[in-house]
C-alpha atoms as a PDB file:
ATOM      1  CA  PRO A   1      90.340  93.641 160.503  1.00  0.00           C
ATOM      2  CA  GLY A   2      90.221  91.689 163.538  1.00  0.00           C
ATOM      3  CA  GLY A   3      90.082  94.577 166.189  1.00  0.00           C
ATOM      4  CA  GLY A   4      86.843  95.701 165.422  1.00  0.00           C
ATOM      5  CA  ARG A   5      85.367  91.870 166.113  1.00  0.00           C
ATOM      6  CA  GLY A   6      87.460  92.363 169.659  1.00  0.00           C
ATOM      7  CA  ARG A   7      86.037  96.160 170.548  1.00  0.00           C
ATOM      8  CA  ASN A   8      82.725  95.094 169.749  1.00  0.00           C
ATOM      9  CA  VAL A   9      82.608  91.867 172.268  1.00  0.00           C
ATOM     10  CA  LEU A  10      84.424  94.301 174.804  1.00  0.00           C
ATOM     11  CA  ASP A  11      81.161  96.814 174.215  1.00  0.00           C
ATOM     12  CA  GLN A  12      79.260  93.748 174.973  1.00  0.00           C
ATOM     13  CA  LEU A  13      80.491  92.970 178.453  1.00  0.00           C
ATOM     14  CA  PRO A  14      78.865  94.329 181.109  1.00  0.00           C
ATOM     15  CA  PRO A  15      80.322  96.382 183.885  1.00  0.00           C
ATOM     16  CA  PRO A  16      82.407  94.937 187.032  1.00  0.00           C
ATOM     17  CA  ALA A  17      80.247  93.711 190.008  1.00  0.00           C
ATOM     18  CA  ASN A  18      82.440  95.756 192.210  1.00  0.00           C
ATOM     19  CA  SER A  19      82.134  99.316 190.409  1.00  0.00           C
ATOM     20  CA  ASN A  20      78.961 101.236 189.051  1.00  0.00           C
ATOM     21  CA  LYS A  21      80.955 102.520 186.280  1.00  0.00           C
ATOM     22  CA  PRO A  22      80.533 101.961 182.651  1.00  0.00           C
ATOM     23  CA  LEU A  23      83.624 100.163 180.614  1.00  0.00           C
ATOM     24  CA  THR A  24      85.060 102.733 179.159  1.00  0.00           C
ATOM     25  CA  PRO A  25      86.800 101.610 175.634  1.00  0.00           C
ATOM     26  CA  PHE A  26      90.312 102.066 174.875  1.00  0.00           C
ATOM     27  CA  GLY A  27      90.727 102.281 171.432  1.00  0.00           C
ATOM     28  CA  ILE A  28      93.144 104.032 169.424  1.00  0.00           C
ATOM     29  CA  GLU A  29      89.790 105.489 167.938  1.00  0.00           C
ATOM     30  CA  ASP A  30      88.483 106.234 171.189  1.00  0.00           C
ATOM     31  CA  ILE A  31      91.819 107.883 172.983  1.00  0.00           C
ATOM     32  CA  LEU A  32      92.081 110.087 169.572  1.00  0.00           C
ATOM     33  CA  GLY A  33      88.631 111.465 169.592  1.00  0.00           C
ATOM     34  CA  ARG A  34      88.156 109.614 165.895  1.00  0.00           C
ATOM     35  CA  PRO A  35      84.681 108.288 165.407  1.00  0.00           C
ATOM     36  CA  ARG A  36      84.961 104.354 164.586  1.00  0.00           C
ATOM     37  CA  GLY A  37      84.182 102.836 161.242  1.00  0.00           C
ATOM     38  CA  GLY A  38      87.427 104.020 159.382  1.00  0.00           C
ATOM     39  CA  SER A  39      86.414 107.222 158.432  1.00  0.00           C
ATOM     40  CA  PRO A  40      89.109 109.755 158.267  1.00  0.00           C
ATOM     41  CA  PRO A  41      90.023 111.995 161.378  1.00  0.00           C
ATOM     42  CA  GLY A  42      87.939 115.096 162.180  1.00  0.00           C
ATOM     43  CA  PRO A  43      88.935 118.244 162.639  1.00  0.00           C
ATOM     44  CA  GLY A  44      91.831 117.571 164.825  1.00  0.00           C
ATOM     45  CA  PRO A  45      92.285 119.099 168.344  1.00  0.00           C
ATOM     46  CA  ALA A  46      89.720 121.899 167.908  1.00  0.00           C
ATOM     47  CA  ALA A  47      87.006 119.163 168.017  1.00  0.00           C
ATOM     48  CA  LEU A  48      88.232 117.948 171.298  1.00  0.00           C
ATOM     49  CA  PRO A  49      85.672 120.074 173.548  1.00  0.00           C
ATOM     50  CA  ALA A  50      82.868 118.402 171.820  1.00  0.00           C
ATOM     51  CA  ARG A  51      84.119 115.538 171.973  1.00  0.00           C
ATOM     52  CA  PHE A  52      84.959 115.070 175.283  1.00  0.00           C
ATOM     53  CA  PRO A  53      82.617 118.302 177.033  1.00  0.00           C
ATOM     54  CA  GLU A  54      83.869 116.961 180.702  1.00  0.00           C
ATOM     55  CA  ARG A  55      87.326 118.313 179.903  1.00  0.00           C
ATOM     56  CA  ALA A  56      86.503 121.366 181.077  1.00  0.00           C
ATOM     57  CA  ALA A  57      85.081 120.382 184.781  1.00  0.00           C
ATOM     58  CA  GLY A  58      87.396 118.382 186.444  1.00  0.00           C
ATOM     59  CA  PRO A  59      89.349 117.555 189.568  1.00  0.00           C
ATOM     60  CA  ARG A  60      91.732 120.208 189.057  1.00  0.00           C
ATOM     61  CA  GLY A  61      89.873 122.706 187.273  1.00  0.00           C
ATOM     62  CA  GLY A  62      90.198 122.359 183.459  1.00  0.00           C
ATOM     63  CA  GLY A  63      91.162 118.555 183.996  1.00  0.00           C
ATOM     64  CA  CYS A  64      88.972 115.847 182.822  1.00  0.00           C
ATOM     65  CA  ALA A  65      86.260 113.422 184.578  1.00  0.00           C
ATOM     66  CA  PRO A  66      87.883 110.228 185.757  1.00  0.00           C
ATOM     67  CA  ALA A  67      85.539 108.402 183.548  1.00  0.00           C
ATOM     68  CA  SER A  68      87.409 109.328 180.029  1.00  0.00           C
ATOM     69  CA  PRO A  69      90.184 107.119 179.267  1.00  0.00           C
ATOM     70  CA  LEU A  70      92.429 110.569 178.130  1.00  0.00           C
ATOM     71  CA  CYS A  71      91.494 111.849 181.349  1.00  0.00           C
ATOM     72  CA  ALA A  72      92.722 108.679 183.257  1.00  0.00           C
ATOM     73  CA  LEU A  73      96.024 108.513 181.492  1.00  0.00           C
ATOM     74  CA  GLU A  74      97.124 112.284 181.711  1.00  0.00           C
ATOM     75  CA  GLU A  75      96.388 112.277 185.512  1.00  0.00           C
ATOM     76  CA  LEU A  76      98.532 109.094 185.212  1.00  0.00           C
ATOM     77  CA  ALA A  77     100.988 110.834 183.889  1.00  0.00           C
ATOM     78  CA  SER A  78     100.663 113.954 185.426  1.00  0.00           C
ATOM     79  CA  LYS A  79     101.386 112.138 188.983  1.00  0.00           C
ATOM     80  CA  THR A  80     104.218 110.422 187.585  1.00  0.00           C
ATOM     81  CA  PHE A  81     105.634 114.005 186.458  1.00  0.00           C
ATOM     82  CA  ARG A  82     105.230 115.309 189.959  1.00  0.00           C
ATOM     83  CA  GLY A  83     106.809 112.509 191.641  1.00  0.00           C
ATOM     84  CA  LEU A  84     110.442 112.825 189.225  1.00  0.00           C
ATOM     85  CA  GLU A  85     110.339 116.600 189.458  1.00  0.00           C
ATOM     86  CA  LEU A  86     109.995 116.222 193.359  1.00  0.00           C
ATOM     87  CA  GLY A  87     113.027 113.315 193.252  1.00  0.00           C
ATOM     88  CA  VAL A  88     114.997 116.061 190.979  1.00  0.00           C
ATOM     89  CA  LEU A  89     114.675 118.918 193.315  1.00  0.00           C
ATOM     90  CA  GLN A  90     115.544 116.728 196.154  1.00  0.00           C
ATOM     91  CA  ALA A  91     118.524 115.136 194.619  1.00  0.00           C
ATOM     92  CA  ALA A  92     119.490 118.461 193.418  1.00  0.00           C
ATOM     93  CA  GLU A  93     119.578 119.764 197.058  1.00  0.00           C
ATOM     94  CA  GLY A  94     121.535 116.761 198.466  1.00  0.00           C
ATOM     95  CA  ARG A  95     118.399 115.016 199.445  1.00  0.00           C
ATOM     96  CA  ASP A  96     117.774 110.891 198.576  1.00  0.00           C
ATOM     97  CA  PRO A  97     114.054 111.245 197.189  1.00  0.00           C
ATOM     98  CA  PRO A  98     111.529 109.042 198.405  1.00  0.00           C
ATOM     99  CA  GLY A  99     111.820 105.713 198.134  1.00  0.00           C
ATOM    100  CA  THR A 100     115.280 105.371 197.154  1.00  0.00           C
ATOM    101  CA  PRO A 101     116.682 101.760 198.103  1.00  0.00           C
ATOM    102  CA  GLY A 102     119.744 101.994 200.637  1.00  0.00           C
ATOM    103  CA  PRO A 103     122.650 104.246 200.916  1.00  0.00           C
ATOM    104  CA  ARG A 104     124.060 105.988 198.156  1.00  0.00           C
ATOM    105  CA  PRO A 105     126.732 105.354 196.064  1.00  0.00           C
ATOM    106  CA  PRO A 106     130.094 106.877 197.377  1.00  0.00           C
ATOM    107  CA  CYS A 107     131.419 110.012 195.397  1.00  0.00           C
ATOM    108  CA  LYS A 108     134.682 109.652 193.156  1.00  0.00           C
ATOM    109  CA  LYS A 109     137.593 109.582 195.584  1.00  0.00           C
ATOM    110  CA  ARG A 110     138.934 113.258 195.728  1.00  0.00           C
ATOM    111  CA  ARG A 111     142.345 114.138 194.019  1.00  0.00           C
ATOM    112  CA  LYS A 112     145.678 113.780 196.087  1.00  0.00           C
ATOM    113  CA  SER A 113     146.945 117.400 196.833  1.00  0.00           C
ATOM    114  CA  ARG A 114     149.839 119.122 194.762  1.00  0.00           C
ATOM    115  CA  THR A 115     152.867 118.154 196.404  1.00  0.00           C
ATOM    116  CA  ALA A 116     154.761 121.003 197.497  1.00  0.00           C
ATOM    117  CA  PHE A 117     158.739 120.346 197.072  1.00  0.00           C
ATOM    118  CA  THR A 118     161.348 121.993 199.537  1.00  0.00           C
ATOM    119  CA  ALA A 119     164.159 124.365 197.644  1.00  0.00           C
ATOM    120  CA  GLN A 120     166.548 121.784 198.509  1.00  0.00           C
ATOM    121  CA  GLN A 121     164.183 118.978 197.079  1.00  0.00           C
ATOM    122  CA  LEU A 122     163.701 120.616 193.776  1.00  0.00           C
ATOM    123  CA  ARG A 123     167.887 121.236 193.866  1.00  0.00           C
ATOM    124  CA  GLU A 124     168.830 117.685 193.851  1.00  0.00           C
ATOM    125  CA  LEU A 125     165.959 116.481 191.591  1.00  0.00           C
ATOM    126  CA  GLU A 126     166.866 119.046 188.752  1.00  0.00           C
ATOM    127  CA  ALA A 127     170.734 118.160 189.842  1.00  0.00           C
ATOM    128  CA  ARG A 128     169.770 114.523 189.331  1.00  0.00           C
ATOM    129  CA  PHE A 129     167.991 115.306 185.975  1.00  0.00           C
ATOM    130  CA  LEU A 130     170.682 116.985 184.263  1.00  0.00           C
ATOM    131  CA  ARG A 131     173.084 113.758 184.788  1.00  0.00           C
ATOM    132  CA  GLN A 132     170.289 110.948 184.163  1.00  0.00           C
ATOM    133  CA  LYS A 133     166.538 111.411 182.464  1.00  0.00           C
ATOM    134  CA  TYR A 134     165.640 107.728 183.820  1.00  0.00           C
ATOM    135  CA  LEU A 135     166.205 106.468 187.034  1.00  0.00           C
ATOM    136  CA  SER A 136     166.314 102.558 187.557  1.00  0.00           C
ATOM    137  CA  PRO A 137     163.976 101.542 190.533  1.00  0.00           C
ATOM    138  CA  ALA A 138     167.360 101.249 192.926  1.00  0.00           C
ATOM    139  CA  GLU A 139     168.436 105.020 192.302  1.00  0.00           C
ATOM    140  CA  ARG A 140     164.989 106.012 192.187  1.00  0.00           C
ATOM    141  CA  ASP A 141     164.259 104.183 195.667  1.00  0.00           C
ATOM    142  CA  GLY A 142     167.477 105.702 197.668  1.00  0.00           C
ATOM    143  CA  LEU A 143     166.759 109.035 195.869  1.00  0.00           C
ATOM    144  CA  ALA A 144     163.090 109.203 197.584  1.00  0.00           C
ATOM    145  CA  ALA A 145     164.537 108.131 200.652  1.00  0.00           C
ATOM    146  CA  ARG A 146     167.840 110.355 200.747  1.00  0.00           C
ATOM    147  CA  LEU A 147     164.961 113.355 199.860  1.00  0.00           C
ATOM    148  CA  ALA A 148     162.312 112.051 202.334  1.00  0.00           C
ATOM    149  CA  LEU A 149     159.858 111.595 199.598  1.00  0.00           C
ATOM    150  CA  SER A 150     158.022 108.332 198.214  1.00  0.00           C
ATOM    151  CA  THR A 151     158.772 106.434 195.547  1.00  0.00           C
ATOM    152  CA  ALA A 152     155.564 107.719 193.664  1.00  0.00           C
ATOM    153  CA  GLN A 153     156.272 111.435 194.262  1.00  0.00           C
ATOM    154  CA  VAL A 154     160.142 110.840 192.746  1.00  0.00           C
ATOM    155  CA  ILE A 155     158.608 108.813 189.634  1.00  0.00           C
ATOM    156  CA  THR A 156     155.731 111.257 189.305  1.00  0.00           C
ATOM    157  CA  TRP A 157     158.462 114.219 189.224  1.00  0.00           C
ATOM    158  CA  PHE A 158     160.767 112.872 186.494  1.00  0.00           C
ATOM    159  CA  GLN A 159     157.943 112.093 184.216  1.00  0.00           C
ATOM    160  CA  ASN A 160     156.710 115.563 184.720  1.00  0.00           C
ATOM    161  CA  ARG A 161     160.208 117.274 184.131  1.00  0.00           C
ATOM    162  CA  ARG A 162     160.977 115.031 180.863  1.00  0.00           C
ATOM    163  CA  ALA A 163     157.598 115.958 179.654  1.00  0.00           C
ATOM    164  CA  LYS A 164     158.800 119.505 180.326  1.00  0.00           C
ATOM    165  CA  LEU A 165     161.836 119.298 178.505  1.00  0.00           C
ATOM    166  CA  LYS A 166     160.027 118.128 175.556  1.00  0.00           C
ATOM    167  CA  ARG A 167     157.880 120.669 175.309  1.00  0.00           C
ATOM    168  CA  ASP A 168     160.887 123.397 175.456  1.00  0.00           C
ATOM    169  CA  LEU A 169     162.875 121.547 173.042  1.00  0.00           C
ATOM    170  CA  GLU A 170     159.851 121.622 170.535  1.00  0.00           C
ATOM    171  CA  GLU A 171     159.172 125.242 171.199  1.00  0.00           C
ATOM    172  CA  LEU A 172     162.822 126.047 170.605  1.00  0.00           C
ATOM    173  CA  ARG A 173     163.018 123.962 167.355  1.00  0.00           C
ATOM    174  CA  ALA A 174     159.857 126.786 166.018  1.00  0.00           C
ATOM    175  CA  ASP A 175     161.795 129.669 167.235  1.00  0.00           C
ATOM    176  CA  VAL A 176     164.730 128.385 165.229  1.00  0.00           C
ATOM    177  CA  ALA A 177     162.282 127.464 162.290  1.00  0.00           C
ATOM    178  CA  SER A 178     160.536 130.969 161.936  1.00  0.00           C
ATOM    179  CA  LEU A 179     163.813 132.392 162.653  1.00  0.00           C
ATOM    180  CA  ARG A 180     165.259 130.688 159.256  1.00  0.00           C
ATOM    181  CA  ALA A 181     162.232 131.401 157.226  1.00  0.00           C
ATOM    182  CA  LEU A 182     163.297 135.597 158.039  1.00  0.00           C
ATOM    183  CA  PRO A 183     165.031 137.267 155.154  1.00  0.00           C
ATOM    184  CA  PRO A 184     168.780 137.904 155.819  1.00  0.00           C
ATOM    185  CA  ALA A 185     168.277 142.092 156.424  1.00  0.00           C
ATOM    186  CA  ALA A 186     165.773 141.042 159.149  1.00  0.00           C
ATOM    187  CA  LEU A 187     168.278 138.801 161.217  1.00  0.00           C
ATOM    188  CA  ARG A 188     170.552 141.115 160.749  1.00  0.00           C
ATOM    189  CA  GLN A 189     168.264 143.811 162.511  1.00  0.00           C
ATOM    190  CA  LEU A 190     167.776 141.609 165.000  1.00  0.00           C
ATOM    191  CA  ALA A 191     171.292 140.712 165.727  1.00  0.00           C
ATOM    192  CA  ALA A 192     171.882 144.677 166.259  1.00  0.00           C
ATOM    193  CA  MET A 193     169.628 144.578 168.763  1.00  0.00           C
ATOM    194  CA  PRO A 194     170.566 144.976 172.402  1.00  0.00           C
ATOM    195  CA  ASP A 195     169.448 142.619 174.812  1.00  0.00           C
END
């Protein structure tokens, strides 16, 4: 109800002094190509060439004349997307897009390479693990110094070895459970098979 009054006032304004272009209305009806007065929309997109004959000949051949608000909006959007596409392409090539402020953030830290234990270190670690699954801080530091390893390497090795033991025990329990489920005749056949 109040929007019609505002549009009429805008239509009556003279063009700006520094411009030779007439004022163009930017109402929804104008952008969508609907006639004013609240009448139902026309046949839809097929009516665009009749409503906007300037679309046929424009700066990009098939574009719009700059006087149309719809064409101005289209031009602005296309410039924006061209800029975004350029930035995406440059980022994919590893270059900074234009207008990127400051230096790039640092990349993620690279993972430390896998430690290759010597055969002697593995023998001592396994022997200690057979006797003791968990080490006190003093025992861990002494073992690390004796094997020329860092404390973190000894901690990690023991954690991984305990996890491996747990997986092996679960597999063994699953094997025993599946053997128990077999009928006695099948168990005798398995026992009679050569190793």
